[in-house]
Amino acid sequence: MSSGPHVGDVGTVLKYQCLKQDGNVLDVSTASTIQITFVRPDKSRLTVNASLVTNGQDGWVQYVTQSASDLSLTGIYTWQVYVSWGATPSWHSDKGTFQVWPNE
């Protein structure tokens, strides 16, 4: 039995903590834009607006899948968070991966 999201799941919470290069938490509480880009196994991209999990000072952001097409393929997905504070410099997270499992 596999654990983790499955193809077509709606309401799946995908959470990520934004960390600086030195490993410390990035405070995203005052960010004007927070997005997550997912790259599916076929290299197609989905960019979504993320929300804060708490108040943003802990760096945690999330996206809750809204449509069966969000997780449309079985396989390894790559993700990356983008944060902007308007006129100040923007920030990109390291890339991460997660598995989307088939329905059987």
C-alpha atoms as a PDB file:
ATOM      1  CA  MET A   1       0.000   0.000   0.000  1.00  0.00           C
ATOM      2  CA  SER A   2       1.362   3.418  -0.956  1.00  0.00           C
ATOM      3  CA  SER A   3       1.114   6.514   1.171  1.00  0.00           C
ATOM      4  CA  GLY A   4       0.903  10.003  -0.194  1.00  0.00           C
ATOM      5  CA  PRO A   5      -1.248  11.707  -2.790  1.00  0.00           C
ATOM      6  CA  HIS A   6      -2.936   9.750  -5.565  1.00  0.00           C
ATOM      7  CA  VAL A   7      -3.877  10.747  -9.107  1.00  0.00           C
ATOM      8  CA  GLY A   8      -6.961  12.979  -9.093  1.00  0.00           C
ATOM      9  CA  ASP A   9      -6.984  13.645  -5.334  1.00  0.00           C
ATOM     10  CA  VAL A  10      -8.812  16.859  -4.423  1.00  0.00           C
ATOM     11  CA  GLY A  11      -8.300  18.462  -1.017  1.00  0.00           C
ATOM     12  CA  THR A  12      -4.754  17.142  -0.581  1.00  0.00           C
ATOM     13  CA  VAL A  13      -2.653  19.532   1.519  1.00  0.00           C
ATOM     14  CA  LEU A  14       0.853  20.068   0.152  1.00  0.00           C
ATOM     15  CA  LYS A  15       2.948  21.943   2.757  1.00  0.00           C
ATOM     16  CA  TYR A  16       6.471  23.318   2.504  1.00  0.00           C
ATOM     17  CA  GLN A  17       8.657  25.290   4.879  1.00  0.00           C
ATOM     18  CA  CYS A  18      10.639  28.149   3.349  1.00  0.00           C
ATOM     19  CA  LEU A  19      14.234  28.048   4.575  1.00  0.00           C
ATOM     20  CA  LYS A  20      17.129  30.375   3.814  1.00  0.00           C
ATOM     21  CA  GLN A  21      20.416  28.995   2.475  1.00  0.00           C
ATOM     22  CA  ASP A  22      21.804  28.938   6.014  1.00  0.00           C
ATOM     23  CA  GLY A  23      18.941  26.676   7.137  1.00  0.00           C
ATOM     24  CA  ASN A  24      17.086  29.354   9.108  1.00  0.00           C
ATOM     25  CA  VAL A  25      13.388  29.974   8.581  1.00  0.00           C
ATOM     26  CA  LEU A  26      12.363  32.592   6.017  1.00  0.00           C
ATOM     27  CA  ASP A  27       9.663  34.883   7.430  1.00  0.00           C
ATOM     28  CA  VAL A  28       7.027  35.130   4.688  1.00  0.00           C
ATOM     29  CA  SER A  29       4.407  36.929   6.801  1.00  0.00           C
ATOM     30  CA  THR A  30       4.646  40.181   4.824  1.00  0.00           C
ATOM     31  CA  ALA A  31       5.020  38.661   1.352  1.00  0.00           C
ATOM     32  CA  SER A  32       2.822  40.098  -1.386  1.00  0.00           C
ATOM     33  CA  THR A  33       3.063  36.969  -3.562  1.00  0.00           C
ATOM     34  CA  ILE A  34       3.584  33.327  -2.632  1.00  0.00           C
ATOM     35  CA  GLN A  35       3.365  30.764  -5.402  1.00  0.00           C
ATOM     36  CA  ILE A  36       4.286  27.135  -5.859  1.00  0.00           C
ATOM     37  CA  THR A  37       5.192  25.737  -9.248  1.00  0.00           C
ATOM     38  CA  PHE A  38       4.715  22.014  -9.740  1.00  0.00           C
ATOM     39  CA  VAL A  39       6.350  20.221 -12.662  1.00  0.00           C
ATOM     40  CA  ARG A  40       4.514  17.019 -13.539  1.00  0.00           C
ATOM     41  CA  PRO A  41       6.251  13.857 -14.809  1.00  0.00           C
ATOM     42  CA  ASP A  42       5.468  14.892 -18.421  1.00  0.00           C
ATOM     43  CA  LYS A  43       7.207  18.259 -17.763  1.00  0.00           C
ATOM     44  CA  SER A  44       3.937  20.241 -17.859  1.00  0.00           C
ATOM     45  CA  ARG A  45       3.774  22.997 -15.238  1.00  0.00           C
ATOM     46  CA  LEU A  46       1.134  24.113 -12.774  1.00  0.00           C
ATOM     47  CA  THR A  47       1.712  27.390 -10.897  1.00  0.00           C
ATOM     48  CA  VAL A  48      -0.673  28.097  -8.016  1.00  0.00           C
ATOM     49  CA  ASN A  49      -1.089  30.709  -5.322  1.00  0.00           C
ATOM     50  CA  ALA A  50      -0.079  29.357  -1.943  1.00  0.00           C
ATOM     51  CA  SER A  51      -1.441  30.332   1.457  1.00  0.00           C
ATOM     52  CA  LEU A  52       0.164  30.633   4.863  1.00  0.00           C
ATOM     53  CA  VAL A  53      -0.213  27.692   7.236  1.00  0.00           C
ATOM     54  CA  THR A  54      -0.005  29.913  10.336  1.00  0.00           C
ATOM     55  CA  ASN A  55       1.086  33.551  10.428  1.00  0.00           C
ATOM     56  CA  GLY A  56       3.998  33.101   8.014  1.00  0.00           C
ATOM     57  CA  GLN A  57       6.742  33.849  10.522  1.00  0.00           C
ATOM     58  CA  ASP A  58       7.515  30.120  10.664  1.00  0.00           C
ATOM     59  CA  GLY A  59       7.980  29.943   6.877  1.00  0.00           C
ATOM     60  CA  TRP A  60       5.239  27.355   6.319  1.00  0.00           C
ATOM     61  CA  VAL A  61       3.156  27.687   3.135  1.00  0.00           C
ATOM     62  CA  GLN A  62       0.643  25.332   1.580  1.00  0.00           C
ATOM     63  CA  TYR A  63      -1.506  24.562  -1.400  1.00  0.00           C
ATOM     64  CA  VAL A  64      -4.652  22.470  -1.156  1.00  0.00           C
ATOM     65  CA  THR A  65      -5.433  20.712  -4.431  1.00  0.00           C
ATOM     66  CA  GLN A  66      -8.562  22.202  -5.992  1.00  0.00           C
ATOM     67  CA  SER A  67      -9.151  20.016  -9.026  1.00  0.00           C
ATOM     68  CA  ALA A  68      -8.579  16.430 -10.115  1.00  0.00           C
ATOM     69  CA  SER A  69      -6.308  17.862 -12.824  1.00  0.00           C
ATOM     70  CA  ASP A  70      -3.850  19.252 -10.235  1.00  0.00           C
ATOM     71  CA  LEU A  71      -2.393  15.780  -9.670  1.00  0.00           C
ATOM     72  CA  SER A  72      -3.221  14.345 -13.072  1.00  0.00           C
ATOM     73  CA  LEU A  73      -0.308  11.958 -13.620  1.00  0.00           C
ATOM     74  CA  THR A  74       1.358   9.120 -11.746  1.00  0.00           C
ATOM     75  CA  GLY A  75       5.022   9.666 -10.955  1.00  0.00           C
ATOM     76  CA  ILE A  76       7.507  12.102  -9.468  1.00  0.00           C
ATOM     77  CA  TYR A  77       6.493  15.771  -9.274  1.00  0.00           C
ATOM     78  CA  THR A  78       8.998  18.578  -8.681  1.00  0.00           C
ATOM     79  CA  TRP A  79       7.981  21.682  -6.737  1.00  0.00           C
ATOM     80  CA  GLN A  80       9.510  25.104  -6.050  1.00  0.00           C
ATOM     81  CA  VAL A  81       8.195  27.992  -3.952  1.00  0.00           C
ATOM     82  CA  TYR A  82       8.437  31.598  -5.148  1.00  0.00           C
ATOM     83  CA  VAL A  83       8.024  34.504  -2.707  1.00  0.00           C
ATOM     84  CA  SER A  84       7.971  38.228  -3.479  1.00  0.00           C
ATOM     85  CA  TRP A  85       7.718  41.249  -1.212  1.00  0.00           C
ATOM     86  CA  GLY A  86       6.839  43.720  -3.960  1.00  0.00           C
ATOM     87  CA  ALA A  87       9.675  46.197  -4.510  1.00  0.00           C
ATOM     88  CA  THR A  88      12.203  44.152  -2.510  1.00  0.00           C
ATOM     89  CA  PRO A  89      14.032  41.148  -3.958  1.00  0.00           C
ATOM     90  CA  SER A  90      12.172  37.921  -4.577  1.00  0.00           C
ATOM     91  CA  TRP A  91      13.139  34.482  -3.307  1.00  0.00           C
ATOM     92  CA  HIS A  92      12.981  30.959  -4.740  1.00  0.00           C
ATOM     93  CA  SER A  93      13.211  27.817  -2.629  1.00  0.00           C
ATOM     94  CA  ASP A  94      15.326  24.825  -3.411  1.00  0.00           C
ATOM     95  CA  LYS A  95      13.448  22.309  -5.529  1.00  0.00           C
ATOM     96  CA  GLY A  96      11.863  19.280  -3.935  1.00  0.00           C
ATOM     97  CA  THR A  97      10.027  16.205  -5.136  1.00  0.00           C
ATOM     98  CA  PHE A  98       7.112  14.024  -4.156  1.00  0.00           C
ATOM     99  CA  GLN A  99       5.447  10.910  -5.547  1.00  0.00           C
ATOM    100  CA  VAL A 100       1.884  10.789  -6.879  1.00  0.00           C
ATOM    101  CA  TRP A 101       0.560   7.234  -6.797  1.00  0.00           C
ATOM    102  CA  PRO A 102      -1.870   5.472  -9.135  1.00  0.00           C
ATOM    103  CA  ASN A 103      -5.355   4.453  -8.074  1.00  0.00           C
ATOM    104  CA  GLU A 104      -5.818   0.714  -8.039  1.00  0.00           C
END
